[in-house]
Protein backbone atom coordinates (compact mmCIF):
# COMPACT_ATOMS: atom_id res chain seq x y z
CA MET A 1 125.83 -3.79 53.33
CA ALA A 2 123.30 -1.44 51.77
CA LYS A 3 119.60 -2.19 51.82
CA THR A 4 118.57 -4.40 48.94
CA SER A 5 115.73 -2.02 48.08
CA MET A 6 118.18 0.85 47.55
CA ILE A 7 120.39 -1.27 45.29
CA GLU A 8 117.35 -2.37 43.26
CA ARG A 9 116.11 1.22 43.02
CA GLN A 10 119.49 2.25 41.65
CA LYS A 11 119.35 -0.54 39.04
CA LYS A 12 115.88 0.61 38.02
CA ARG A 13 117.18 4.17 37.58
CA GLU A 14 120.11 2.96 35.48
CA LYS A 15 117.71 1.05 33.22
CA LEU A 16 115.47 4.13 32.81
CA VAL A 17 118.44 6.40 32.05
CA GLU A 18 119.59 4.02 29.33
CA GLN A 19 116.07 3.67 27.92
CA TYR A 20 115.38 7.41 27.63
CA ALA A 21 118.90 8.70 26.89
CA ALA A 22 118.40 9.18 23.15
CA LYS A 23 114.98 10.81 23.57
CA ARG A 24 116.25 13.21 26.24
CA ALA A 25 119.29 14.15 24.16
CA ALA A 26 117.15 14.84 21.09
CA LEU A 27 114.74 17.03 23.05
CA LYS A 28 117.57 18.96 24.68
CA GLU A 29 119.18 19.56 21.30
CA GLN A 30 115.91 20.91 19.90
CA ILE A 31 115.42 23.16 22.94
CA ARG A 32 118.89 24.66 22.42
CA ASP A 33 118.10 25.42 18.75
CA GLU A 34 117.55 29.18 18.69
CA SER A 35 115.99 29.18 15.21
CA LEU A 36 112.77 27.83 16.75
CA SER A 37 110.26 30.23 18.26
CA LEU A 38 110.10 30.64 22.02
CA ALA A 39 106.66 29.03 22.17
CA ASP A 40 107.91 25.91 20.37
CA ARG A 41 110.91 25.67 22.67
CA VAL A 42 108.64 25.96 25.72
CA LYS A 43 106.47 23.12 24.36
CA LEU A 44 109.58 21.01 23.89
CA SER A 45 110.75 21.72 27.42
CA MET A 46 107.32 20.70 28.73
CA LYS A 47 107.67 17.46 26.76
CA LEU A 48 111.06 16.93 28.41
CA ALA A 49 109.53 17.58 31.83
CA LYS A 50 106.88 14.90 31.23
CA LEU A 51 109.52 12.19 30.92
CA PRO A 52 110.09 10.12 34.08
CA ARG A 53 112.25 11.91 36.65
CA ASN A 54 114.42 8.87 37.19
CA SER A 55 115.35 8.86 33.51
CA SER A 56 117.67 11.81 34.13
CA ALA A 57 121.34 10.87 34.48
CA THR A 58 121.77 13.27 37.40
CA ARG A 59 119.54 11.03 39.53
CA LEU A 60 122.15 8.25 39.45
CA HIS A 61 124.51 7.79 42.37
CA ASN A 62 127.67 5.69 42.29
CA ARG A 63 127.46 2.61 44.49
CA CYS A 64 130.00 -0.03 45.44
CA GLU A 65 129.48 -3.12 43.29
CA ILE A 66 130.34 -5.40 46.20
CA SER A 67 128.52 -3.92 49.18
CA GLY A 68 126.21 -1.33 47.60
CA ARG A 69 127.63 1.42 49.82
CA PRO A 70 126.93 4.88 48.32
CA LYS A 71 129.68 6.83 50.09
CA ALA A 72 133.50 6.72 49.89
CA TYR A 73 133.34 5.31 46.36
CA TYR A 74 136.45 4.96 44.19
CA ARG A 75 135.44 5.40 40.54
CA LYS A 76 138.47 3.66 39.11
CA LEU A 77 137.85 0.49 41.12
CA LYS A 78 134.04 0.76 41.37
CA MET A 79 134.11 -0.09 45.06
CA SER A 80 133.97 1.62 48.42
CA ARG A 81 136.95 2.19 50.69
CA ILE A 82 135.79 -0.52 53.08
CA ALA A 83 135.48 -3.18 50.37
CA LEU A 84 138.83 -2.02 48.97
CA ARG A 85 140.51 -2.49 52.33
CA ASP A 86 139.00 -5.95 52.81
CA TYR A 87 140.06 -7.12 49.37
CA ALA A 88 143.54 -5.60 49.76
CA SER A 89 144.04 -7.30 53.15
CA VAL A 90 143.19 -10.69 51.67
CA GLY A 91 145.44 -9.99 48.67
CA GLN A 92 142.77 -10.08 45.99
CA ILE A 93 143.80 -6.79 44.38
CA PRO A 94 147.03 -7.25 42.40
CA GLY A 95 149.84 -4.90 43.42
CA MET A 96 148.08 -3.59 46.50
CA VAL A 97 149.41 -4.35 49.95
CA LYS A 98 147.99 -3.05 53.21
CA SER A 99 150.67 -0.93 54.77
CA SER A 100 151.67 -1.32 58.39
CA TRP A 101 154.54 0.11 60.41
């Protein structure tokens, strides 16, 4: 089980990313506009840099929704390999059976 503080920090990041997504996208679009002068584009990039760091989508890390584990994460199932194995062994994932031979 991951530390509760790490899980809460991740939730806070997700909230910030959602809050600033439109603003960041608009600023990035203006920065890419080559009709603006270089000085204006630099000012816009400074404005972008002043936004909170955690509002960037690249700061997010996938975590297991069950245990909070950050590694060995399956995107399709939104869980880690360990949680997947536990749930499969109990039979809580339809169509999945733990193999043994």
